[in-house]
Every structure is written in structure tokens, then in C-alpha cells.
N, C-alpha and C. Protein backbone atom coordinates (compact mmCIF):
# COMPACT_ATOMS: atom_id res chain seq x y z
N MET A 1 21.88 1.70 1.18
CA MET A 1 21.54 2.32 2.46
C MET A 1 20.43 3.35 2.27
N LEU A 2 19.35 3.20 3.00
CA LEU A 2 18.26 4.14 2.89
C LEU A 2 18.58 5.44 3.61
N LEU A 3 17.93 6.50 3.20
CA LEU A 3 18.14 7.82 3.78
C LEU A 3 17.01 8.17 4.74
N ALA A 4 17.34 8.98 5.75
CA ALA A 4 16.34 9.34 6.76
C ALA A 4 15.37 10.40 6.25
N ARG A 5 15.86 11.35 5.49
CA ARG A 5 15.02 12.48 5.06
C ARG A 5 15.35 12.90 3.63
N TYR A 6 14.34 13.45 2.95
CA TYR A 6 14.58 14.08 1.66
C TYR A 6 15.04 15.51 1.86
N GLN A 7 14.42 16.18 2.85
CA GLN A 7 14.80 17.53 3.23
C GLN A 7 14.76 17.62 4.75
N HIS A 8 15.38 18.65 5.31
CA HIS A 8 15.52 18.71 6.76
C HIS A 8 14.87 19.95 7.37
N GLU A 9 14.19 20.73 6.58
CA GLU A 9 13.61 21.99 7.07
C GLU A 9 12.23 21.78 7.68
N PHE A 10 11.45 20.86 7.12
CA PHE A 10 10.05 20.69 7.52
C PHE A 10 9.78 19.29 8.04
N ILE A 11 8.67 19.15 8.79
CA ILE A 11 8.21 17.83 9.23
C ILE A 11 7.81 17.04 8.01
N GLU A 12 8.42 15.88 7.82
CA GLU A 12 8.27 15.13 6.57
C GLU A 12 7.60 13.78 6.81
N ALA A 13 6.61 13.47 5.98
CA ALA A 13 5.95 12.16 6.03
C ALA A 13 6.20 11.42 4.72
N GLY A 14 6.49 10.14 4.83
CA GLY A 14 6.60 9.28 3.66
C GLY A 14 5.30 8.56 3.41
N CYS A 15 4.94 8.39 2.15
CA CYS A 15 3.65 7.76 1.79
C CYS A 15 3.85 6.68 0.73
N ASP A 16 3.11 5.60 0.88
CA ASP A 16 3.13 4.54 -0.13
C ASP A 16 1.81 3.79 -0.06
N GLU A 17 1.56 2.98 -1.08
CA GLU A 17 0.31 2.21 -1.16
C GLU A 17 0.62 0.74 -1.42
N ALA A 18 -0.40 -0.08 -1.27
CA ALA A 18 -0.29 -1.51 -1.56
C ALA A 18 -1.61 -2.00 -2.15
N GLY A 19 -1.49 -2.84 -3.18
CA GLY A 19 -2.68 -3.47 -3.75
C GLY A 19 -3.20 -2.87 -5.03
N ARG A 20 -2.40 -2.06 -5.71
CA ARG A 20 -2.89 -1.45 -6.95
C ARG A 20 -3.19 -2.49 -8.02
N GLY A 21 -2.38 -3.55 -8.08
CA GLY A 21 -2.53 -4.52 -9.16
C GLY A 21 -3.45 -5.68 -8.86
N CYS A 22 -4.18 -5.60 -7.78
CA CYS A 22 -5.04 -6.72 -7.38
C CYS A 22 -6.37 -6.73 -8.14
N LEU A 23 -6.96 -7.90 -8.23
CA LEU A 23 -8.29 -8.05 -8.83
C LEU A 23 -9.39 -7.85 -7.80
N ALA A 24 -9.05 -8.01 -6.52
CA ALA A 24 -10.06 -7.95 -5.47
C ALA A 24 -9.50 -7.21 -4.26
N GLY A 25 -10.43 -6.64 -3.48
CA GLY A 25 -10.06 -5.97 -2.25
C GLY A 25 -9.72 -4.51 -2.44
N PRO A 26 -9.54 -3.80 -1.34
CA PRO A 26 -9.21 -2.37 -1.38
C PRO A 26 -7.75 -2.14 -1.76
N VAL A 27 -7.44 -0.88 -2.05
CA VAL A 27 -6.06 -0.43 -2.07
C VAL A 27 -5.82 0.24 -0.73
N PHE A 28 -4.71 -0.08 -0.09
CA PHE A 28 -4.36 0.50 1.20
C PHE A 28 -3.20 1.46 1.02
N ALA A 29 -3.12 2.46 1.88
CA ALA A 29 -1.99 3.38 1.88
C ALA A 29 -1.63 3.73 3.31
N ALA A 30 -0.39 4.14 3.48
CA ALA A 30 0.07 4.56 4.81
C ALA A 30 0.89 5.83 4.67
N ALA A 31 0.91 6.60 5.76
CA ALA A 31 1.75 7.79 5.88
C ALA A 31 2.51 7.66 7.19
N VAL A 32 3.80 7.92 7.15
CA VAL A 32 4.65 7.70 8.33
C VAL A 32 5.61 8.87 8.52
N ILE A 33 5.67 9.36 9.76
CA ILE A 33 6.66 10.36 10.15
C ILE A 33 7.62 9.69 11.13
N LEU A 34 8.87 9.63 10.77
CA LEU A 34 9.88 8.96 11.60
C LEU A 34 10.81 9.98 12.26
N PRO A 35 11.42 9.60 13.36
CA PRO A 35 12.43 10.48 13.96
C PRO A 35 13.61 10.67 13.01
N ASP A 36 14.30 11.78 13.14
CA ASP A 36 15.44 12.06 12.26
C ASP A 36 16.54 11.01 12.39
N ASP A 37 16.65 10.43 13.58
CA ASP A 37 17.73 9.47 13.80
C ASP A 37 17.30 8.02 13.59
N PHE A 38 16.13 7.82 12.98
CA PHE A 38 15.65 6.46 12.77
C PHE A 38 16.59 5.71 11.82
N ASP A 39 16.83 4.46 12.16
CA ASP A 39 17.66 3.62 11.31
C ASP A 39 17.30 2.16 11.58
N HIS A 40 17.29 1.37 10.55
CA HIS A 40 17.05 -0.07 10.73
C HIS A 40 17.66 -0.81 9.55
N HIS A 41 18.50 -1.77 9.84
CA HIS A 41 19.25 -2.45 8.78
C HIS A 41 18.37 -3.33 7.90
N LEU A 42 17.18 -3.72 8.39
CA LEU A 42 16.31 -4.59 7.59
C LEU A 42 15.28 -3.82 6.77
N LEU A 43 15.00 -2.60 7.17
CA LEU A 43 13.90 -1.86 6.54
C LEU A 43 14.21 -1.57 5.08
N ASN A 44 13.26 -1.95 4.21
CA ASN A 44 13.43 -1.78 2.77
C ASN A 44 12.05 -1.85 2.14
N ASP A 45 12.00 -1.74 0.84
CA ASP A 45 10.78 -1.94 0.07
C ASP A 45 10.12 -3.24 0.53
N SER A 46 8.85 -3.18 0.89
CA SER A 46 8.15 -4.35 1.45
C SER A 46 8.18 -5.55 0.51
N LYS A 47 8.23 -5.30 -0.79
CA LYS A 47 8.23 -6.41 -1.76
C LYS A 47 9.53 -7.22 -1.70
N GLN A 48 10.57 -6.64 -1.11
CA GLN A 48 11.86 -7.33 -1.04
C GLN A 48 12.01 -8.16 0.25
N LEU A 49 10.97 -8.14 1.10
CA LEU A 49 11.06 -8.77 2.42
C LEU A 49 10.10 -9.94 2.55
N THR A 50 10.42 -10.86 3.44
CA THR A 50 9.50 -11.96 3.72
C THR A 50 8.34 -11.46 4.57
N GLU A 51 7.28 -12.23 4.58
CA GLU A 51 6.11 -11.85 5.38
C GLU A 51 6.48 -11.72 6.86
N ALA A 52 7.27 -12.65 7.37
CA ALA A 52 7.64 -12.61 8.79
C ALA A 52 8.42 -11.35 9.12
N VAL A 53 9.34 -10.96 8.24
CA VAL A 53 10.12 -9.74 8.47
C VAL A 53 9.24 -8.51 8.40
N ARG A 54 8.30 -8.50 7.45
CA ARG A 54 7.40 -7.35 7.35
C ARG A 54 6.62 -7.13 8.64
N TYR A 55 6.10 -8.19 9.22
CA TYR A 55 5.32 -8.03 10.45
C TYR A 55 6.21 -7.65 11.63
N LYS A 56 7.42 -8.15 11.66
CA LYS A 56 8.35 -7.74 12.71
C LYS A 56 8.66 -6.25 12.59
N LEU A 57 8.90 -5.80 11.38
CA LEU A 57 9.19 -4.39 11.15
C LEU A 57 7.98 -3.52 11.46
N ARG A 58 6.78 -4.00 11.15
CA ARG A 58 5.58 -3.21 11.44
C ARG A 58 5.52 -2.86 12.92
N ALA A 59 5.78 -3.83 13.78
CA ALA A 59 5.74 -3.58 15.22
C ALA A 59 6.76 -2.52 15.62
N GLU A 60 7.94 -2.57 15.04
CA GLU A 60 8.98 -1.60 15.38
C GLU A 60 8.64 -0.21 14.83
N ILE A 61 8.10 -0.17 13.63
CA ILE A 61 7.70 1.11 13.03
C ILE A 61 6.63 1.78 13.89
N GLU A 62 5.63 1.01 14.27
CA GLU A 62 4.54 1.57 15.06
C GLU A 62 5.02 2.03 16.44
N GLN A 63 6.02 1.37 16.96
CA GLN A 63 6.55 1.74 18.27
C GLN A 63 7.41 3.00 18.19
N LYS A 64 8.20 3.14 17.12
CA LYS A 64 9.19 4.20 17.05
C LYS A 64 8.77 5.41 16.23
N ALA A 65 7.74 5.29 15.42
CA ALA A 65 7.32 6.41 14.58
C ALA A 65 6.79 7.57 15.44
N ILE A 66 7.05 8.77 14.99
CA ILE A 66 6.46 9.95 15.62
C ILE A 66 4.95 9.96 15.36
N ALA A 67 4.58 9.57 14.15
CA ALA A 67 3.16 9.46 13.79
C ALA A 67 3.04 8.50 12.61
N TYR A 68 1.94 7.76 12.57
CA TYR A 68 1.67 6.91 11.42
C TYR A 68 0.16 6.73 11.29
N ALA A 69 -0.28 6.45 10.09
CA ALA A 69 -1.70 6.20 9.85
C ALA A 69 -1.85 5.34 8.60
N VAL A 70 -2.91 4.54 8.59
CA VAL A 70 -3.22 3.65 7.47
C VAL A 70 -4.66 3.89 7.06
N ALA A 71 -4.92 3.90 5.76
CA ALA A 71 -6.28 4.11 5.26
C ALA A 71 -6.46 3.28 3.99
N SER A 72 -7.70 3.18 3.54
CA SER A 72 -7.98 2.37 2.35
C SER A 72 -9.08 2.97 1.51
N VAL A 73 -9.17 2.49 0.28
CA VAL A 73 -10.26 2.82 -0.65
C VAL A 73 -10.76 1.49 -1.18
N ASP A 74 -12.06 1.22 -1.02
CA ASP A 74 -12.56 -0.11 -1.35
C ASP A 74 -12.75 -0.31 -2.85
N ASN A 75 -13.08 -1.55 -3.21
CA ASN A 75 -13.18 -1.92 -4.62
C ASN A 75 -14.27 -1.16 -5.36
N HIS A 76 -15.35 -0.80 -4.66
CA HIS A 76 -16.43 -0.05 -5.31
C HIS A 76 -15.96 1.36 -5.68
N GLU A 77 -15.24 1.99 -4.77
CA GLU A 77 -14.68 3.32 -5.08
C GLU A 77 -13.63 3.23 -6.18
N ILE A 78 -12.84 2.17 -6.16
CA ILE A 78 -11.85 1.97 -7.22
C ILE A 78 -12.53 1.91 -8.58
N ASP A 79 -13.63 1.16 -8.66
CA ASP A 79 -14.35 1.06 -9.93
C ASP A 79 -14.93 2.40 -10.37
N GLU A 80 -15.26 3.25 -9.42
CA GLU A 80 -15.85 4.56 -9.74
C GLU A 80 -14.82 5.58 -10.21
N ILE A 81 -13.64 5.59 -9.57
CA ILE A 81 -12.70 6.68 -9.84
C ILE A 81 -11.39 6.22 -10.47
N ASN A 82 -11.21 4.93 -10.68
CA ASN A 82 -10.04 4.24 -11.25
C ASN A 82 -8.96 4.05 -10.19
N ILE A 83 -8.09 3.10 -10.43
CA ILE A 83 -7.13 2.67 -9.41
C ILE A 83 -6.08 3.73 -9.12
N LEU A 84 -5.69 4.52 -10.12
CA LEU A 84 -4.68 5.55 -9.87
C LEU A 84 -5.23 6.60 -8.90
N ASN A 85 -6.41 7.10 -9.19
CA ASN A 85 -7.02 8.09 -8.30
C ASN A 85 -7.35 7.50 -6.94
N ALA A 86 -7.72 6.22 -6.92
CA ALA A 86 -8.00 5.56 -5.65
C ALA A 86 -6.73 5.46 -4.80
N SER A 87 -5.60 5.20 -5.44
CA SER A 87 -4.32 5.15 -4.71
C SER A 87 -4.00 6.50 -4.08
N PHE A 88 -4.21 7.56 -4.85
CA PHE A 88 -3.96 8.90 -4.31
C PHE A 88 -4.93 9.21 -3.17
N LEU A 89 -6.19 8.82 -3.34
CA LEU A 89 -7.19 9.07 -2.30
C LEU A 89 -6.85 8.33 -1.01
N ALA A 90 -6.40 7.09 -1.14
CA ALA A 90 -6.01 6.33 0.05
C ALA A 90 -4.86 7.02 0.77
N MET A 91 -3.89 7.55 0.02
CA MET A 91 -2.80 8.29 0.65
C MET A 91 -3.32 9.55 1.32
N HIS A 92 -4.22 10.27 0.66
CA HIS A 92 -4.81 11.47 1.27
C HIS A 92 -5.49 11.12 2.59
N ARG A 93 -6.24 10.03 2.60
CA ARG A 93 -6.94 9.63 3.82
C ARG A 93 -5.96 9.27 4.93
N ALA A 94 -4.86 8.62 4.57
CA ALA A 94 -3.86 8.28 5.57
C ALA A 94 -3.21 9.55 6.14
N ILE A 95 -2.86 10.48 5.26
CA ILE A 95 -2.24 11.74 5.70
C ILE A 95 -3.19 12.49 6.64
N ALA A 96 -4.47 12.51 6.29
CA ALA A 96 -5.46 13.23 7.10
C ALA A 96 -5.60 12.63 8.50
N LYS A 97 -5.31 11.34 8.64
CA LYS A 97 -5.44 10.67 9.94
C LYS A 97 -4.24 10.87 10.85
N LEU A 98 -3.15 11.39 10.34
CA LEU A 98 -1.95 11.60 11.17
C LEU A 98 -2.26 12.59 12.29
N HIS A 99 -1.83 12.29 13.50
CA HIS A 99 -2.11 13.21 14.61
C HIS A 99 -1.16 14.41 14.60
N LEU A 100 -0.07 14.31 13.84
CA LEU A 100 0.84 15.43 13.63
C LEU A 100 0.80 15.79 12.15
N LYS A 101 0.50 17.04 11.86
CA LYS A 101 0.36 17.46 10.47
C LYS A 101 1.73 17.58 9.81
N PRO A 102 1.97 16.84 8.74
CA PRO A 102 3.25 16.98 8.04
C PRO A 102 3.31 18.28 7.26
N GLN A 103 4.52 18.79 7.10
CA GLN A 103 4.73 20.02 6.33
C GLN A 103 5.31 19.74 4.95
N PHE A 104 5.69 18.49 4.74
CA PHE A 104 6.26 18.08 3.46
C PHE A 104 6.01 16.59 3.30
N LEU A 105 5.71 16.17 2.06
CA LEU A 105 5.41 14.77 1.78
C LEU A 105 6.38 14.22 0.75
N ILE A 106 6.86 13.00 0.99
CA ILE A 106 7.59 12.29 -0.06
C ILE A 106 6.76 11.07 -0.44
N ILE A 107 6.53 10.93 -1.73
CA ILE A 107 5.58 9.97 -2.27
C ILE A 107 6.30 8.94 -3.12
N ASP A 108 6.01 7.67 -2.90
CA ASP A 108 6.58 6.63 -3.75
C ASP A 108 5.90 6.68 -5.12
N GLY A 109 6.69 6.75 -6.17
CA GLY A 109 6.13 6.77 -7.52
C GLY A 109 6.45 8.06 -8.24
N ASN A 110 5.83 8.24 -9.40
CA ASN A 110 6.12 9.42 -10.21
C ASN A 110 4.94 10.37 -10.38
N ARG A 111 3.81 10.05 -9.72
CA ARG A 111 2.63 10.92 -9.84
C ARG A 111 1.91 10.99 -8.50
N PHE A 112 1.26 12.13 -8.25
CA PHE A 112 0.48 12.30 -7.02
C PHE A 112 -0.44 13.48 -7.20
N ASN A 113 -1.65 13.39 -6.64
CA ASN A 113 -2.55 14.52 -6.58
C ASN A 113 -2.26 15.30 -5.32
N LYS A 114 -1.97 16.57 -5.45
CA LYS A 114 -1.58 17.42 -4.32
C LYS A 114 -2.56 17.28 -3.16
N TYR A 115 -2.01 17.19 -1.95
CA TYR A 115 -2.83 17.09 -0.75
C TYR A 115 -2.89 18.46 -0.07
N ALA A 116 -4.09 19.05 -0.08
CA ALA A 116 -4.32 20.36 0.54
C ALA A 116 -3.23 21.33 0.05
N ASP A 117 -2.60 22.03 1.00
CA ASP A 117 -1.54 22.98 0.61
C ASP A 117 -0.15 22.47 0.97
N THR A 118 -0.05 21.14 1.15
CA THR A 118 1.21 20.54 1.58
C THR A 118 2.11 20.25 0.39
N PRO A 119 3.31 20.81 0.35
CA PRO A 119 4.22 20.51 -0.76
C PRO A 119 4.65 19.04 -0.73
N HIS A 120 4.96 18.50 -1.90
CA HIS A 120 5.36 17.09 -1.97
C HIS A 120 6.41 16.90 -3.05
N HIS A 121 7.04 15.74 -2.97
CA HIS A 121 8.00 15.34 -4.00
C HIS A 121 7.81 13.86 -4.28
N CYS A 122 7.66 13.50 -5.55
CA CYS A 122 7.50 12.10 -5.94
C CYS A 122 8.87 11.48 -6.21
N ILE A 123 9.05 10.26 -5.74
CA ILE A 123 10.34 9.58 -5.86
C ILE A 123 10.12 8.17 -6.40
N VAL A 124 10.56 7.92 -7.60
CA VAL A 124 10.45 6.59 -8.20
C VAL A 124 11.29 5.61 -7.38
N GLU A 125 10.66 4.49 -7.02
CA GLU A 125 11.29 3.49 -6.14
C GLU A 125 11.72 4.10 -4.81
N GLY A 126 10.92 5.03 -4.33
CA GLY A 126 11.22 5.71 -3.08
C GLY A 126 11.23 4.78 -1.89
N ASP A 127 10.49 3.66 -1.99
CA ASP A 127 10.45 2.72 -0.87
C ASP A 127 11.77 1.97 -0.71
N ALA A 128 12.66 2.09 -1.68
CA ALA A 128 14.00 1.51 -1.56
C ALA A 128 15.06 2.58 -1.35
N LYS A 129 14.60 3.84 -1.09
CA LYS A 129 15.54 4.95 -0.95
C LYS A 129 15.39 5.70 0.37
N TYR A 130 14.16 5.76 0.91
CA TYR A 130 13.91 6.54 2.12
C TYR A 130 13.20 5.70 3.17
N PHE A 131 13.65 5.82 4.42
CA PHE A 131 13.08 5.03 5.49
C PHE A 131 11.58 5.25 5.65
N SER A 132 11.13 6.50 5.58
CA SER A 132 9.70 6.76 5.85
C SER A 132 8.80 6.17 4.78
N ILE A 133 9.26 6.18 3.52
CA ILE A 133 8.46 5.56 2.46
C ILE A 133 8.48 4.05 2.61
N ALA A 134 9.64 3.49 2.92
CA ALA A 134 9.74 2.05 3.15
C ALA A 134 8.83 1.64 4.31
N ALA A 135 8.82 2.44 5.38
CA ALA A 135 7.95 2.15 6.52
C ALA A 135 6.49 2.20 6.11
N ALA A 136 6.13 3.18 5.28
CA ALA A 136 4.75 3.28 4.80
C ALA A 136 4.40 2.06 3.94
N SER A 137 5.34 1.59 3.16
CA SER A 137 5.08 0.41 2.32
C SER A 137 4.84 -0.82 3.18
N ILE A 138 5.58 -0.94 4.28
CA ILE A 138 5.39 -2.07 5.21
C ILE A 138 4.00 -2.02 5.83
N LEU A 139 3.61 -0.86 6.32
CA LEU A 139 2.31 -0.75 6.97
C LEU A 139 1.17 -0.99 5.99
N ALA A 140 1.26 -0.37 4.81
CA ALA A 140 0.20 -0.55 3.82
C ALA A 140 0.07 -2.02 3.43
N LYS A 141 1.19 -2.67 3.20
CA LYS A 141 1.18 -4.07 2.77
C LYS A 141 0.63 -4.98 3.87
N THR A 142 1.11 -4.84 5.09
CA THR A 142 0.67 -5.76 6.15
C THR A 142 -0.78 -5.54 6.55
N TYR A 143 -1.22 -4.29 6.58
CA TYR A 143 -2.63 -4.04 6.92
C TYR A 143 -3.54 -4.56 5.82
N ARG A 144 -3.10 -4.43 4.58
CA ARG A 144 -3.90 -4.97 3.48
C ARG A 144 -3.94 -6.50 3.54
N ASP A 145 -2.79 -7.11 3.81
CA ASP A 145 -2.74 -8.57 3.92
C ASP A 145 -3.67 -9.06 5.04
N ASP A 146 -3.67 -8.34 6.16
CA ASP A 146 -4.57 -8.70 7.26
C ASP A 146 -6.03 -8.69 6.79
N TYR A 147 -6.38 -7.66 6.04
CA TYR A 147 -7.76 -7.54 5.54
C TYR A 147 -8.09 -8.68 4.59
N MET A 148 -7.19 -8.99 3.67
CA MET A 148 -7.46 -10.05 2.70
C MET A 148 -7.54 -11.42 3.36
N LYS A 149 -6.71 -11.65 4.38
CA LYS A 149 -6.81 -12.92 5.11
C LYS A 149 -8.16 -13.04 5.82
N LYS A 150 -8.65 -11.92 6.30
CA LYS A 150 -9.93 -11.92 7.00
C LYS A 150 -11.08 -12.27 6.06
N ILE A 151 -11.11 -11.67 4.89
CA ILE A 151 -12.23 -11.94 3.98
C ILE A 151 -12.04 -13.23 3.19
N ALA A 152 -10.82 -13.78 3.21
CA ALA A 152 -10.57 -15.04 2.49
C ALA A 152 -11.47 -16.16 2.98
N ALA A 153 -11.84 -16.12 4.24
CA ALA A 153 -12.70 -17.17 4.80
C ALA A 153 -14.09 -17.16 4.17
N GLU A 154 -14.52 -16.01 3.67
CA GLU A 154 -15.84 -15.91 3.04
C GLU A 154 -15.84 -16.54 1.65
N HIS A 155 -14.71 -16.51 0.98
CA HIS A 155 -14.62 -17.01 -0.41
C HIS A 155 -13.32 -17.79 -0.58
N PRO A 156 -13.19 -18.93 0.09
CA PRO A 156 -11.92 -19.68 0.07
C PRO A 156 -11.50 -20.16 -1.30
N GLU A 157 -12.45 -20.29 -2.22
CA GLU A 157 -12.13 -20.84 -3.52
C GLU A 157 -11.18 -19.93 -4.34
N TYR A 158 -11.09 -18.63 -3.96
CA TYR A 158 -10.24 -17.70 -4.70
C TYR A 158 -8.80 -17.66 -4.17
N ASP A 159 -8.55 -18.36 -3.07
CA ASP A 159 -7.20 -18.49 -2.54
C ASP A 159 -6.60 -17.16 -2.08
N TRP A 160 -7.45 -16.28 -1.55
CA TRP A 160 -6.96 -14.97 -1.13
C TRP A 160 -6.01 -15.05 0.06
N HIS A 161 -6.13 -16.09 0.87
CA HIS A 161 -5.21 -16.20 2.00
C HIS A 161 -3.77 -16.33 1.52
N SER A 162 -3.61 -16.79 0.27
CA SER A 162 -2.28 -16.94 -0.31
C SER A 162 -1.95 -15.81 -1.28
N ASN A 163 -2.86 -15.52 -2.23
CA ASN A 163 -2.53 -14.54 -3.28
C ASN A 163 -2.89 -13.10 -2.92
N LYS A 164 -3.65 -12.91 -1.82
CA LYS A 164 -4.03 -11.58 -1.32
C LYS A 164 -4.80 -10.75 -2.36
N GLY A 165 -5.42 -11.43 -3.33
CA GLY A 165 -6.20 -10.72 -4.33
C GLY A 165 -5.46 -10.43 -5.61
N TYR A 166 -4.17 -10.76 -5.67
CA TYR A 166 -3.42 -10.52 -6.90
C TYR A 166 -3.82 -11.54 -7.98
N PRO A 167 -3.58 -11.21 -9.25
CA PRO A 167 -4.09 -12.04 -10.36
C PRO A 167 -3.23 -13.28 -10.64
N THR A 168 -3.17 -14.17 -9.68
CA THR A 168 -2.49 -15.44 -9.91
C THR A 168 -3.32 -16.29 -10.88
N ILE A 169 -2.71 -17.35 -11.37
CA ILE A 169 -3.43 -18.23 -12.30
C ILE A 169 -4.69 -18.79 -11.65
N LYS A 170 -4.58 -19.29 -10.42
CA LYS A 170 -5.75 -19.86 -9.75
C LYS A 170 -6.83 -18.82 -9.54
N HIS A 171 -6.45 -17.62 -9.14
CA HIS A 171 -7.43 -16.56 -8.91
C HIS A 171 -8.19 -16.23 -10.19
N ARG A 172 -7.46 -16.08 -11.28
CA ARG A 172 -8.12 -15.75 -12.55
C ARG A 172 -8.99 -16.91 -13.04
N GLU A 173 -8.51 -18.12 -12.86
CA GLU A 173 -9.31 -19.28 -13.26
C GLU A 173 -10.65 -19.31 -12.52
N MET A 174 -10.63 -19.00 -11.23
CA MET A 174 -11.86 -19.06 -10.44
C MET A 174 -12.80 -17.92 -10.81
N VAL A 175 -12.26 -16.74 -11.13
CA VAL A 175 -13.12 -15.64 -11.56
C VAL A 175 -13.82 -16.02 -12.87
N LEU A 176 -13.07 -16.61 -13.80
CA LEU A 176 -13.66 -17.00 -15.08
C LEU A 176 -14.64 -18.16 -14.93
N LYS A 177 -14.42 -19.00 -13.92
CA LYS A 177 -15.27 -20.17 -13.72
C LYS A 177 -16.55 -19.84 -12.96
N ILE A 178 -16.42 -19.10 -11.84
CA ILE A 178 -17.60 -18.88 -10.99
C ILE A 178 -17.99 -17.41 -10.83
N GLY A 179 -17.19 -16.51 -11.39
CA GLY A 179 -17.58 -15.10 -11.40
C GLY A 179 -17.00 -14.28 -10.26
N TYR A 180 -17.52 -13.05 -10.16
CA TYR A 180 -17.04 -12.08 -9.19
C TYR A 180 -17.69 -12.27 -7.82
N THR A 181 -17.00 -11.79 -6.81
CA THR A 181 -17.57 -11.65 -5.47
C THR A 181 -17.86 -10.16 -5.24
N PRO A 182 -18.50 -9.81 -4.14
CA PRO A 182 -18.70 -8.39 -3.83
C PRO A 182 -17.39 -7.63 -3.58
N TYR A 183 -16.28 -8.34 -3.46
CA TYR A 183 -15.00 -7.69 -3.20
C TYR A 183 -14.18 -7.46 -4.46
N HIS A 184 -14.62 -7.97 -5.59
CA HIS A 184 -13.84 -7.84 -6.82
C HIS A 184 -13.98 -6.46 -7.45
N ARG A 185 -12.93 -6.06 -8.12
CA ARG A 185 -12.92 -4.82 -8.90
C ARG A 185 -13.43 -5.14 -10.29
N ARG A 186 -14.62 -4.75 -10.59
CA ARG A 186 -15.26 -5.18 -11.84
C ARG A 186 -14.73 -4.47 -13.07
N THR A 187 -14.01 -3.38 -12.89
CA THR A 187 -13.43 -2.69 -14.03
C THR A 187 -12.07 -3.26 -14.42
N PHE A 188 -11.58 -4.23 -13.64
CA PHE A 188 -10.30 -4.86 -13.96
C PHE A 188 -10.53 -6.06 -14.88
N ARG A 189 -9.80 -6.09 -15.97
CA ARG A 189 -9.94 -7.18 -16.94
C ARG A 189 -9.31 -8.45 -16.38
N VAL A 190 -10.03 -9.55 -16.51
CA VAL A 190 -9.53 -10.85 -16.08
C VAL A 190 -9.30 -11.70 -17.32
N SER A 191 -8.04 -12.00 -17.60
CA SER A 191 -7.71 -12.76 -18.80
C SER A 191 -7.62 -14.25 -18.51
N ASP A 192 -7.79 -15.03 -19.55
CA ASP A 192 -7.67 -16.48 -19.44
C ASP A 192 -6.22 -16.84 -19.14
N PRO A 193 -5.95 -17.56 -18.04
CA PRO A 193 -4.57 -17.92 -17.70
C PRO A 193 -3.87 -18.74 -18.78
N GLN A 194 -4.65 -19.42 -19.61
CA GLN A 194 -4.05 -20.25 -20.67
C GLN A 194 -3.61 -19.39 -21.87
N LEU A 195 -4.07 -18.14 -21.91
CA LEU A 195 -3.79 -17.30 -23.08
C LEU A 195 -2.85 -16.14 -22.77
N SER A 196 -2.46 -15.98 -21.51
CA SER A 196 -1.62 -14.83 -21.15
C SER A 196 -0.57 -15.26 -20.15
N ILE A 197 0.44 -14.44 -20.06
CA ILE A 197 1.53 -14.69 -19.14
C ILE A 197 1.65 -13.50 -18.19
N PHE A 198 1.62 -13.76 -16.90
CA PHE A 198 1.79 -12.71 -15.90
C PHE A 198 3.19 -12.80 -15.32
């Protein structure tokens, strides 16, 4: 059972990202402030849900959230500042877009770069423990998937409509065969699928 809040004194936003392990495309992040009485029996870590359920939940989150925002950092910025810093930056951008300023942040994971003067707490597997982080994971994942489906039409040979930029065997084979696109992260190593196991 997920929890509504980490603390109850301040306005709290949950934050999560999607796409850190991809070879192509941006990393997306979301920040979500939910009502104290929010509850949903299906809401969980986005990786544990089907695509259809994720999109159904996205509609409900956007309808019921007090505030939510989604932001991204593109592949060129990722190559410049590395994926960890890019993930933090995407979360910062999402937080900055919230129309209600949070007074406390709960972050999925074990590391975070402090946002302005807002206190935060990092929670390992937080998207499976707190509703607001789970909601942020849903938004980040679905908005990123929408983006990858959109650009998949430009480079169908990489199968992004299916793999969303993650390093599947087919994706890596095509990178090694025909090279990078303008959407690829060039600092990410692409190994031969015949020599490695993912």
C-alpha cells in the first residue's frame, strides 16, 4: 500500500524521471502535488504497469492533482553534463514549472542536487512507496513515450515506437550498422549484442 505523504507539515511534491538508461532521446521528469486524501488502488511504479494502465492513470493524475508539471533534458545536454546531472536538471525544470511552489520534495532514488532552498528527502524505490512519486513516474514515462513515438517516424529502422530508445538488441544492432541519429546520446557506449547480455 502506497503512502500519501512523507511528512504532513509542508506542501509536498513527489519527483521522478524516465529514460536514464536509453541510448536515444531526452530524459523526462515530472513533479506532482497530490491532495492529502488521494488514493488509487492501481497507482504504482510505472515499470510495474502496462502501457494502457499508465495512460489511464495519467488522465486521472492530471485531473486530480493539485499541481503537476513535466520537463525534459535533451540528448545534447545529456552528453554535455552526463545523465545523472541531466536527470536532476529535468526534475528541477519540472519543479520550476509547478504553479504551486512546493515546500518539501520527495525524490525517487538515493541522490539529488538541491533545488533552490527547498528541503528534500531521497527515497530508494520511492515510486513504489509514495503516491506522488508514483504519479510523477507515470507522467514522466508516458510523456517520454509520446515523444519517442513521435520521432520514431523519422527513423523507423531503430524501432523506437517499440523500444522507446532503450538498448534492445535490435536498437544496438542498428546503431552499430548505420550509426547515430541526431537524437542519440553519443557519450553512451553501444555494445555488440552478440558479445553482451542486457
